[in-house]
N, C-alpha and C. Protein backbone atom coordinates (compact mmCIF):
# COMPACT_ATOMS: atom_id res chain seq x y z
N UNK A 1 0.83 -1.19 0.00
CA UNK A 1 0.00 0.00 0.00
C UNK A 1 0.87 1.26 0.00
N UNK A 2 2.00 1.21 0.72
CA UNK A 2 2.89 2.36 0.76
C UNK A 2 3.41 2.68 -0.64
N UNK A 3 3.69 1.64 -1.43
CA UNK A 3 4.17 1.85 -2.79
C UNK A 3 3.12 2.56 -3.63
N UNK A 4 1.87 2.17 -3.46
CA UNK A 4 0.78 2.77 -4.21
C UNK A 4 0.64 4.24 -3.83
N UNK A 5 0.66 4.54 -2.54
CA UNK A 5 0.53 5.93 -2.09
C UNK A 5 1.72 6.77 -2.55
N UNK A 6 2.91 6.19 -2.51
CA UNK A 6 4.09 6.90 -2.97
C UNK A 6 3.97 7.22 -4.45
N UNK A 7 3.53 6.25 -5.24
CA UNK A 7 3.36 6.47 -6.67
C UNK A 7 2.33 7.56 -6.93
N UNK A 8 1.24 7.55 -6.20
CA UNK A 8 0.19 8.55 -6.35
C UNK A 8 0.73 9.94 -6.02
N UNK A 9 1.53 10.05 -4.96
CA UNK A 9 2.11 11.33 -4.59
C UNK A 9 3.10 11.82 -5.63
N UNK A 10 3.88 10.90 -6.21
CA UNK A 10 4.81 11.29 -7.26
C UNK A 10 4.08 11.82 -8.48
N UNK A 11 2.98 11.17 -8.84
CA UNK A 11 2.17 11.65 -9.96
C UNK A 11 1.64 13.04 -9.65
N UNK A 12 1.16 13.23 -8.43
CA UNK A 12 0.62 14.53 -8.03
C UNK A 12 1.71 15.60 -8.08
N UNK A 13 2.92 15.27 -7.62
CA UNK A 13 4.01 16.23 -7.67
C UNK A 13 4.38 16.58 -9.11
N UNK A 14 4.39 15.59 -9.99
CA UNK A 14 4.69 15.83 -11.39
C UNK A 14 3.64 16.74 -12.01
N UNK A 15 2.38 16.43 -11.72
CA UNK A 15 1.29 17.23 -12.27
C UNK A 15 1.36 18.66 -11.75
N UNK A 16 1.68 18.83 -10.45
CA UNK A 16 1.71 20.17 -9.88
C UNK A 16 2.82 21.03 -10.49
N UNK A 17 3.84 20.40 -11.04
CA UNK A 17 4.90 21.16 -11.70
C UNK A 17 4.37 21.83 -12.96
N UNK A 18 3.29 21.34 -13.51
CA UNK A 18 2.69 21.88 -14.72
C UNK A 18 1.26 22.33 -14.47
N UNK A 19 1.02 22.97 -13.33
CA UNK A 19 -0.34 23.37 -12.97
C UNK A 19 -0.94 24.28 -14.03
N UNK A 20 -2.17 23.93 -14.41
CA UNK A 20 -2.91 24.73 -15.38
C UNK A 20 -4.18 25.32 -14.76
N UNK A 21 -4.56 24.82 -13.59
CA UNK A 21 -5.81 25.28 -12.99
C UNK A 21 -5.65 26.70 -12.46
N UNK A 22 -6.77 27.33 -12.08
CA UNK A 22 -6.82 28.74 -11.71
C UNK A 22 -6.04 29.07 -10.45
N UNK A 23 -5.91 28.11 -9.55
CA UNK A 23 -5.20 28.35 -8.29
C UNK A 23 -5.94 27.73 -7.13
N UNK A 24 -5.38 27.91 -5.94
CA UNK A 24 -5.97 27.38 -4.73
C UNK A 24 -6.87 28.43 -4.09
N UNK A 25 -7.96 27.97 -3.48
CA UNK A 25 -8.84 28.86 -2.73
C UNK A 25 -8.97 28.31 -1.32
N UNK A 26 -9.21 29.20 -0.37
CA UNK A 26 -9.41 28.78 1.02
C UNK A 26 -10.82 28.20 1.16
N UNK A 27 -11.05 27.56 2.27
CA UNK A 27 -12.38 27.01 2.54
C UNK A 27 -13.43 28.12 2.57
N UNK A 28 -13.11 29.23 3.19
CA UNK A 28 -14.05 30.36 3.26
C UNK A 28 -14.36 30.90 1.86
N UNK A 29 -13.33 31.06 1.04
CA UNK A 29 -13.54 31.53 -0.34
C UNK A 29 -14.40 30.54 -1.12
N UNK A 30 -14.13 29.26 -0.93
CA UNK A 30 -14.89 28.22 -1.65
C UNK A 30 -16.36 28.28 -1.28
N UNK A 31 -16.65 28.37 0.01
CA UNK A 31 -18.05 28.42 0.45
C UNK A 31 -18.75 29.66 -0.09
N UNK A 32 -18.06 30.80 -0.08
CA UNK A 32 -18.65 32.04 -0.61
C UNK A 32 -18.94 31.90 -2.11
N UNK A 33 -17.98 31.34 -2.85
CA UNK A 33 -18.18 31.15 -4.31
C UNK A 33 -19.35 30.21 -4.57
N UNK A 34 -19.45 29.16 -3.76
CA UNK A 34 -20.53 28.20 -3.93
C UNK A 34 -21.88 28.85 -3.62
N UNK A 35 -21.96 29.57 -2.52
CA UNK A 35 -23.24 30.19 -2.11
C UNK A 35 -23.70 31.26 -3.10
N UNK A 36 -22.76 31.96 -3.74
CA UNK A 36 -23.11 32.96 -4.75
C UNK A 36 -23.54 32.30 -6.07
N UNK A 37 -23.27 31.02 -6.20
CA UNK A 37 -23.58 30.33 -7.45
C UNK A 37 -22.48 30.44 -8.49
N UNK A 38 -21.32 30.97 -8.07
CA UNK A 38 -20.19 31.12 -9.00
C UNK A 38 -19.46 29.81 -9.24
N UNK A 39 -19.54 28.89 -8.29
CA UNK A 39 -18.76 27.65 -8.40
C UNK A 39 -19.53 26.48 -7.81
N UNK A 40 -19.19 25.34 -8.32
CA UNK A 40 -19.68 24.06 -7.81
C UNK A 40 -18.50 23.40 -7.11
N UNK A 41 -18.70 22.88 -5.90
CA UNK A 41 -17.62 22.17 -5.22
C UNK A 41 -17.79 20.69 -5.48
N UNK A 42 -16.77 20.10 -6.11
CA UNK A 42 -16.77 18.68 -6.44
C UNK A 42 -15.75 17.96 -5.58
N UNK A 43 -16.23 16.98 -4.84
CA UNK A 43 -15.38 16.15 -4.00
C UNK A 43 -14.94 14.95 -4.83
N UNK A 44 -13.65 14.87 -5.12
CA UNK A 44 -13.12 13.83 -6.01
C UNK A 44 -12.70 12.56 -5.28
N UNK A 45 -12.92 12.53 -3.94
CA UNK A 45 -12.55 11.34 -3.18
C UNK A 45 -13.41 10.15 -3.59
N UNK A 46 -13.00 8.98 -3.19
CA UNK A 46 -13.79 7.79 -3.47
C UNK A 46 -15.13 7.90 -2.76
N UNK A 47 -16.09 7.18 -3.25
CA UNK A 47 -17.42 7.19 -2.64
C UNK A 47 -17.35 6.78 -1.18
N UNK A 48 -16.54 5.77 -0.86
CA UNK A 48 -16.42 5.33 0.54
C UNK A 48 -15.84 6.43 1.43
N UNK A 49 -14.85 7.17 0.94
CA UNK A 49 -14.30 8.28 1.72
C UNK A 49 -15.38 9.33 1.96
N UNK A 50 -16.12 9.65 0.90
CA UNK A 50 -17.18 10.66 0.99
C UNK A 50 -18.23 10.26 2.02
N UNK A 51 -18.63 9.00 1.98
CA UNK A 51 -19.67 8.51 2.89
C UNK A 51 -19.20 8.36 4.33
N UNK A 52 -17.98 7.87 4.52
CA UNK A 52 -17.55 7.50 5.86
C UNK A 52 -16.66 8.50 6.57
N UNK A 53 -16.16 9.53 5.88
CA UNK A 53 -15.36 10.53 6.59
C UNK A 53 -16.00 11.90 6.55
N UNK A 54 -17.18 11.97 5.99
CA UNK A 54 -17.92 13.22 5.97
C UNK A 54 -17.68 14.01 4.70
N UNK A 55 -18.47 15.09 4.56
CA UNK A 55 -18.35 15.95 3.38
C UNK A 55 -18.81 17.34 3.76
N UNK A 56 -18.34 18.31 3.01
CA UNK A 56 -18.71 19.69 3.25
C UNK A 56 -20.08 20.02 2.69
N UNK A 57 -20.65 21.09 3.22
CA UNK A 57 -21.97 21.54 2.79
C UNK A 57 -21.99 21.80 1.29
N UNK A 58 -22.91 21.15 0.60
CA UNK A 58 -23.08 21.37 -0.83
C UNK A 58 -22.11 20.65 -1.74
N UNK A 59 -21.22 19.83 -1.20
CA UNK A 59 -20.26 19.10 -2.03
C UNK A 59 -20.99 18.07 -2.89
N UNK A 60 -20.57 17.94 -4.13
CA UNK A 60 -21.07 16.90 -5.02
C UNK A 60 -19.94 15.89 -5.19
N UNK A 61 -20.20 14.63 -4.90
CA UNK A 61 -19.16 13.60 -5.00
C UNK A 61 -19.11 13.05 -6.42
N UNK A 62 -17.99 13.32 -7.09
CA UNK A 62 -17.70 12.74 -8.40
C UNK A 62 -16.27 12.22 -8.31
N UNK A 63 -16.09 10.95 -7.95
CA UNK A 63 -14.73 10.43 -7.81
C UNK A 63 -13.93 10.53 -9.11
N UNK A 64 -12.72 11.05 -9.01
CA UNK A 64 -11.84 11.11 -10.17
C UNK A 64 -11.13 9.77 -10.35
N UNK A 65 -10.81 9.16 -9.24
CA UNK A 65 -10.10 7.88 -9.23
C UNK A 65 -10.77 7.00 -8.20
N UNK A 66 -10.67 5.74 -8.36
CA UNK A 66 -11.18 4.81 -7.36
C UNK A 66 -10.15 3.70 -7.21
N UNK A 67 -10.34 2.90 -6.21
CA UNK A 67 -9.43 1.79 -5.99
C UNK A 67 -10.24 0.51 -5.90
N UNK A 68 -9.69 -0.52 -6.46
CA UNK A 68 -10.26 -1.83 -6.26
C UNK A 68 -9.13 -2.71 -5.74
N UNK A 69 -9.47 -3.70 -5.02
CA UNK A 69 -8.47 -4.59 -4.44
C UNK A 69 -8.74 -5.99 -4.95
N UNK A 70 -7.84 -6.48 -5.77
CA UNK A 70 -7.99 -7.80 -6.37
C UNK A 70 -7.45 -8.84 -5.40
N UNK A 71 -8.32 -9.74 -4.94
CA UNK A 71 -7.86 -10.74 -3.98
C UNK A 71 -6.88 -11.71 -4.60
N UNK A 72 -5.90 -12.10 -3.81
CA UNK A 72 -4.99 -13.15 -4.26
C UNK A 72 -5.76 -14.46 -4.22
N UNK A 73 -5.12 -15.55 -4.49
CA UNK A 73 -5.81 -16.84 -4.62
C UNK A 73 -6.60 -17.20 -3.36
N UNK A 74 -7.64 -17.96 -3.57
CA UNK A 74 -8.45 -18.43 -2.44
C UNK A 74 -7.62 -19.30 -1.51
N UNK A 75 -6.65 -20.01 -2.08
CA UNK A 75 -5.77 -20.84 -1.26
C UNK A 75 -4.99 -19.98 -0.26
N UNK A 76 -4.45 -18.84 -0.74
CA UNK A 76 -3.69 -17.96 0.15
C UNK A 76 -4.57 -17.37 1.24
N UNK A 77 -5.80 -17.00 0.88
CA UNK A 77 -6.70 -16.40 1.85
C UNK A 77 -7.17 -17.41 2.90
N UNK A 78 -7.41 -18.65 2.47
CA UNK A 78 -7.81 -19.71 3.42
C UNK A 78 -6.63 -20.04 4.33
N UNK A 79 -5.44 -20.11 3.76
CA UNK A 79 -4.25 -20.39 4.55
C UNK A 79 -4.05 -19.30 5.62
N UNK A 80 -4.30 -18.06 5.27
CA UNK A 80 -4.18 -16.95 6.22
C UNK A 80 -5.20 -17.09 7.35
N UNK A 81 -6.43 -17.44 6.99
CA UNK A 81 -7.48 -17.61 8.01
C UNK A 81 -7.14 -18.78 8.93
N UNK A 82 -6.64 -19.86 8.38
CA UNK A 82 -6.26 -21.02 9.20
C UNK A 82 -5.12 -20.67 10.15
N UNK A 83 -4.18 -19.87 9.68
CA UNK A 83 -3.08 -19.43 10.53
C UNK A 83 -3.62 -18.68 11.75
N UNK A 84 -4.58 -17.79 11.51
CA UNK A 84 -5.17 -17.04 12.62
C UNK A 84 -5.82 -17.98 13.63
N UNK A 85 -6.55 -18.98 13.14
CA UNK A 85 -7.22 -19.92 14.03
C UNK A 85 -6.22 -20.75 14.84
N UNK A 86 -5.16 -21.19 14.18
CA UNK A 86 -4.16 -22.02 14.86
C UNK A 86 -3.37 -21.25 15.89
N UNK A 87 -3.14 -19.98 15.63
CA UNK A 87 -2.29 -19.19 16.53
C UNK A 87 -3.09 -18.30 17.49
N UNK A 88 -4.40 -18.33 17.38
CA UNK A 88 -5.27 -17.48 18.21
C UNK A 88 -4.89 -16.00 18.12
N UNK A 89 -4.50 -15.57 16.94
CA UNK A 89 -4.18 -14.16 16.71
C UNK A 89 -4.85 -13.70 15.43
N UNK A 90 -5.22 -12.45 15.44
CA UNK A 90 -5.78 -11.85 14.23
C UNK A 90 -4.67 -11.03 13.58
N UNK A 91 -4.50 -11.21 12.28
CA UNK A 91 -3.45 -10.49 11.57
C UNK A 91 -3.76 -8.99 11.54
N UNK A 92 -2.69 -8.22 11.47
CA UNK A 92 -2.82 -6.76 11.43
C UNK A 92 -3.36 -6.31 10.07
N UNK A 93 -3.75 -5.07 10.04
CA UNK A 93 -4.25 -4.48 8.80
C UNK A 93 -3.21 -4.59 7.68
N UNK A 94 -1.96 -4.26 8.00
CA UNK A 94 -0.92 -4.31 6.97
C UNK A 94 -0.65 -5.74 6.50
N UNK A 95 -0.76 -6.72 7.40
CA UNK A 95 -0.59 -8.11 6.98
C UNK A 95 -1.75 -8.57 6.09
N UNK A 96 -2.95 -8.13 6.41
CA UNK A 96 -4.12 -8.51 5.60
C UNK A 96 -4.06 -7.87 4.21
N UNK A 97 -3.48 -6.68 4.12
CA UNK A 97 -3.37 -6.02 2.82
C UNK A 97 -2.53 -6.83 1.84
N UNK A 98 -1.65 -7.65 2.36
CA UNK A 98 -0.79 -8.46 1.50
C UNK A 98 -1.57 -9.52 0.73
N UNK A 99 -2.81 -9.74 1.14
CA UNK A 99 -3.65 -10.73 0.46
C UNK A 99 -4.41 -10.12 -0.73
N UNK A 100 -4.17 -8.83 -1.01
CA UNK A 100 -4.87 -8.13 -2.08
C UNK A 100 -3.90 -7.28 -2.89
N UNK A 101 -4.15 -7.17 -4.17
CA UNK A 101 -3.37 -6.30 -5.03
C UNK A 101 -4.19 -5.07 -5.35
N UNK A 102 -3.75 -3.88 -4.88
CA UNK A 102 -4.51 -2.67 -5.16
C UNK A 102 -4.39 -2.27 -6.63
N UNK A 103 -5.48 -1.76 -7.17
CA UNK A 103 -5.49 -1.35 -8.57
C UNK A 103 -6.26 -0.04 -8.67
N UNK A 104 -5.60 0.98 -9.21
CA UNK A 104 -6.26 2.26 -9.40
C UNK A 104 -7.17 2.18 -10.62
N UNK A 105 -8.36 2.73 -10.47
CA UNK A 105 -9.32 2.77 -11.56
C UNK A 105 -9.66 4.24 -11.81
N UNK A 106 -9.42 4.71 -13.02
CA UNK A 106 -9.71 6.10 -13.38
C UNK A 106 -11.16 6.19 -13.82
N UNK A 107 -11.87 7.19 -13.32
CA UNK A 107 -13.25 7.43 -13.72
C UNK A 107 -13.25 8.06 -15.11
N UNK A 108 -13.56 7.28 -16.12
CA UNK A 108 -13.53 7.78 -17.49
C UNK A 108 -14.66 8.78 -17.78
N UNK A 109 -15.65 8.84 -16.91
CA UNK A 109 -16.76 9.79 -17.07
C UNK A 109 -16.56 11.07 -16.25
N UNK A 110 -15.41 11.20 -15.62
CA UNK A 110 -15.19 12.31 -14.69
C UNK A 110 -15.46 13.67 -15.33
N UNK A 111 -14.81 13.97 -16.43
CA UNK A 111 -14.96 15.28 -17.06
C UNK A 111 -16.41 15.52 -17.47
N UNK A 112 -17.02 14.54 -18.10
CA UNK A 112 -18.42 14.68 -18.54
C UNK A 112 -19.36 14.86 -17.35
N UNK A 113 -19.12 14.12 -16.27
CA UNK A 113 -19.97 14.24 -15.08
C UNK A 113 -19.83 15.62 -14.44
N UNK A 114 -18.60 16.13 -14.37
CA UNK A 114 -18.39 17.46 -13.80
C UNK A 114 -19.09 18.51 -14.66
N UNK A 115 -18.95 18.39 -15.97
CA UNK A 115 -19.60 19.36 -16.87
C UNK A 115 -21.13 19.32 -16.71
N UNK A 116 -21.68 18.14 -16.57
CA UNK A 116 -23.12 18.01 -16.40
C UNK A 116 -23.56 18.62 -15.06
N UNK A 117 -22.81 18.35 -14.00
CA UNK A 117 -23.13 18.91 -12.68
C UNK A 117 -23.04 20.44 -12.71
N UNK A 118 -22.04 20.98 -13.40
CA UNK A 118 -21.90 22.43 -13.52
C UNK A 118 -23.11 23.02 -14.24
N UNK A 119 -23.53 22.35 -15.28
CA UNK A 119 -24.69 22.83 -16.05
C UNK A 119 -25.95 22.80 -15.18
N UNK A 120 -26.13 21.72 -14.44
CA UNK A 120 -27.30 21.61 -13.56
C UNK A 120 -27.33 22.70 -12.50
N UNK A 121 -26.16 23.04 -11.97
CA UNK A 121 -26.07 24.07 -10.93
C UNK A 121 -25.86 25.47 -11.52
N UNK A 122 -25.73 25.55 -12.84
CA UNK A 122 -25.50 26.83 -13.53
C UNK A 122 -24.25 27.52 -13.00
N UNK A 123 -23.22 26.75 -12.75
CA UNK A 123 -21.95 27.28 -12.24
C UNK A 123 -20.96 27.45 -13.39
N UNK A 124 -20.18 28.53 -13.34
CA UNK A 124 -19.21 28.75 -14.41
C UNK A 124 -17.81 28.29 -14.04
N UNK A 125 -17.66 27.78 -12.82
CA UNK A 125 -16.37 27.23 -12.42
C UNK A 125 -16.59 26.11 -11.42
N UNK A 126 -15.51 25.41 -11.14
CA UNK A 126 -15.59 24.27 -10.23
C UNK A 126 -14.42 24.33 -9.26
N UNK A 127 -14.69 23.93 -8.02
CA UNK A 127 -13.65 23.84 -6.99
C UNK A 127 -13.53 22.37 -6.63
N UNK A 128 -12.32 21.83 -6.77
CA UNK A 128 -12.09 20.42 -6.51
C UNK A 128 -11.53 20.23 -5.11
N UNK A 129 -11.98 19.16 -4.45
CA UNK A 129 -11.53 18.87 -3.10
C UNK A 129 -11.30 17.36 -2.96
N UNK A 130 -10.25 17.01 -2.25
CA UNK A 130 -10.00 15.62 -1.86
C UNK A 130 -9.67 15.64 -0.37
N UNK A 131 -9.03 14.63 0.13
CA UNK A 131 -8.72 14.56 1.55
C UNK A 131 -7.78 15.69 1.97
N UNK A 132 -6.64 15.81 1.24
CA UNK A 132 -5.63 16.78 1.66
C UNK A 132 -5.06 17.61 0.52
N UNK A 133 -5.42 17.34 -0.73
CA UNK A 133 -5.01 18.20 -1.82
C UNK A 133 -4.44 17.59 -3.08
N UNK A 134 -3.62 16.54 -3.03
CA UNK A 134 -2.98 16.06 -4.25
C UNK A 134 -3.93 15.55 -5.33
N UNK A 135 -4.93 14.77 -4.96
CA UNK A 135 -5.85 14.24 -5.98
C UNK A 135 -6.69 15.35 -6.58
N UNK A 136 -7.10 16.30 -5.76
CA UNK A 136 -7.93 17.38 -6.30
C UNK A 136 -7.11 18.30 -7.20
N UNK A 137 -5.83 18.48 -6.92
CA UNK A 137 -4.98 19.26 -7.82
C UNK A 137 -4.86 18.56 -9.17
N UNK A 138 -4.65 17.25 -9.13
CA UNK A 138 -4.56 16.48 -10.38
C UNK A 138 -5.87 16.60 -11.17
N UNK A 139 -7.00 16.50 -10.47
CA UNK A 139 -8.31 16.60 -11.12
C UNK A 139 -8.53 18.02 -11.66
N UNK A 140 -8.10 19.05 -10.91
CA UNK A 140 -8.25 20.43 -11.38
C UNK A 140 -7.44 20.66 -12.64
N UNK A 141 -6.24 20.11 -12.69
CA UNK A 141 -5.43 20.23 -13.90
C UNK A 141 -6.07 19.50 -15.07
N UNK A 142 -6.64 18.34 -14.82
CA UNK A 142 -7.32 17.58 -15.87
C UNK A 142 -8.47 18.40 -16.45
N UNK A 143 -9.27 19.01 -15.59
CA UNK A 143 -10.40 19.82 -16.06
C UNK A 143 -9.92 21.08 -16.77
N UNK A 144 -8.87 21.70 -16.25
CA UNK A 144 -8.33 22.90 -16.89
C UNK A 144 -7.86 22.61 -18.31
N UNK A 145 -7.26 21.44 -18.50
CA UNK A 145 -6.83 21.04 -19.85
C UNK A 145 -8.00 20.91 -20.81
N UNK A 146 -9.19 20.68 -20.25
CA UNK A 146 -10.41 20.57 -21.06
C UNK A 146 -11.11 21.92 -21.21
N UNK A 147 -10.48 22.98 -20.71
CA UNK A 147 -11.04 24.32 -20.85
C UNK A 147 -12.02 24.71 -19.75
N UNK A 148 -12.07 23.95 -18.67
CA UNK A 148 -12.98 24.24 -17.56
C UNK A 148 -12.24 25.09 -16.53
N UNK A 149 -12.89 26.14 -16.06
CA UNK A 149 -12.31 27.01 -15.04
C UNK A 149 -12.35 26.26 -13.71
N UNK A 150 -11.19 25.79 -13.26
CA UNK A 150 -11.10 24.92 -12.09
C UNK A 150 -10.17 25.49 -11.04
N UNK A 151 -10.58 25.33 -9.79
CA UNK A 151 -9.79 25.73 -8.63
C UNK A 151 -9.57 24.50 -7.76
N UNK A 152 -8.62 24.60 -6.86
CA UNK A 152 -8.36 23.53 -5.90
C UNK A 152 -8.60 24.08 -4.50
N UNK A 153 -9.27 23.28 -3.65
CA UNK A 153 -9.47 23.68 -2.26
C UNK A 153 -8.16 23.49 -1.50
N UNK A 154 -7.62 24.58 -1.01
CA UNK A 154 -6.36 24.57 -0.29
C UNK A 154 -6.42 23.62 0.91
N UNK A 155 -5.49 22.70 0.97
CA UNK A 155 -5.34 21.74 2.07
C UNK A 155 -6.46 20.71 2.17
N UNK A 156 -7.35 20.65 1.21
CA UNK A 156 -8.35 19.59 1.14
C UNK A 156 -9.43 19.66 2.21
N UNK A 157 -10.21 18.58 2.27
CA UNK A 157 -11.35 18.51 3.19
C UNK A 157 -10.89 18.42 4.64
N UNK A 158 -9.98 17.52 4.94
CA UNK A 158 -9.58 17.28 6.33
C UNK A 158 -8.81 18.46 6.93
N UNK A 159 -7.86 19.01 6.19
CA UNK A 159 -6.96 20.02 6.75
C UNK A 159 -7.30 21.43 6.31
N UNK A 160 -8.21 21.56 5.37
CA UNK A 160 -8.65 22.88 4.94
C UNK A 160 -10.05 23.17 5.43
N UNK A 161 -11.01 22.39 4.94
CA UNK A 161 -12.42 22.63 5.24
C UNK A 161 -12.75 22.39 6.72
N UNK A 162 -12.44 21.19 7.22
CA UNK A 162 -12.81 20.86 8.60
C UNK A 162 -12.05 21.72 9.61
N UNK A 163 -10.76 21.93 9.39
CA UNK A 163 -9.98 22.72 10.35
C UNK A 163 -10.42 24.18 10.36
N UNK A 164 -11.01 24.65 9.25
CA UNK A 164 -11.53 26.02 9.20
C UNK A 164 -12.92 26.08 9.83
N UNK A 165 -13.39 24.93 10.31
CA UNK A 165 -14.70 24.83 10.95
C UNK A 165 -15.84 25.25 10.03
N UNK A 166 -15.70 24.84 8.76
CA UNK A 166 -16.76 25.09 7.79
C UNK A 166 -17.84 24.04 7.98
N UNK A 167 -19.07 24.29 7.51
CA UNK A 167 -20.15 23.33 7.73
C UNK A 167 -19.91 22.00 7.00
N UNK A 168 -20.07 20.92 7.74
CA UNK A 168 -19.92 19.60 7.14
C UNK A 168 -20.79 18.60 7.89
N UNK A 169 -21.05 17.50 7.22
CA UNK A 169 -21.84 16.44 7.82
C UNK A 169 -21.12 15.12 7.74
N UNK A 170 -21.69 14.11 8.31
CA UNK A 170 -21.07 12.79 8.34
C UNK A 170 -20.24 12.63 9.59
N UNK A 171 -19.28 11.76 9.52
CA UNK A 171 -18.47 11.45 10.70
C UNK A 171 -17.50 12.54 11.05
């Protein structure tokens, strides 16, 4: 999993070297733009992140990327379960991750979905948000390359929106 996260961060760093999006906005600026109808806030996190870690007021969840975990052979998974039973121990999260191969899945409808959501909300720009910033910057650059006026929420949902005590729901 660390390799996957490292690769994702490297991609984000590479993309940020060639930023095309309009720039970063604070949580307060984002909320004001959204309330005026100037912008739509799109949360690019996975659906599970959106559901289980909360979301900001008015955020529309359109995942840019998702993850799937391909299980290794049934033999390996049964062997792991038997080991736990024989040793009366439950394997750690990191040990259990070794039984799955993570695979990034790109949302091929992302740009079209964002454009449709913007049209529905009559917004002329979009503010992208993820957990802490790298994925939303990559998504903002992707949209900017398509001619969409895109901003990134500074420091993401966890460290930008929530820490600024902006309205949010969920956990």
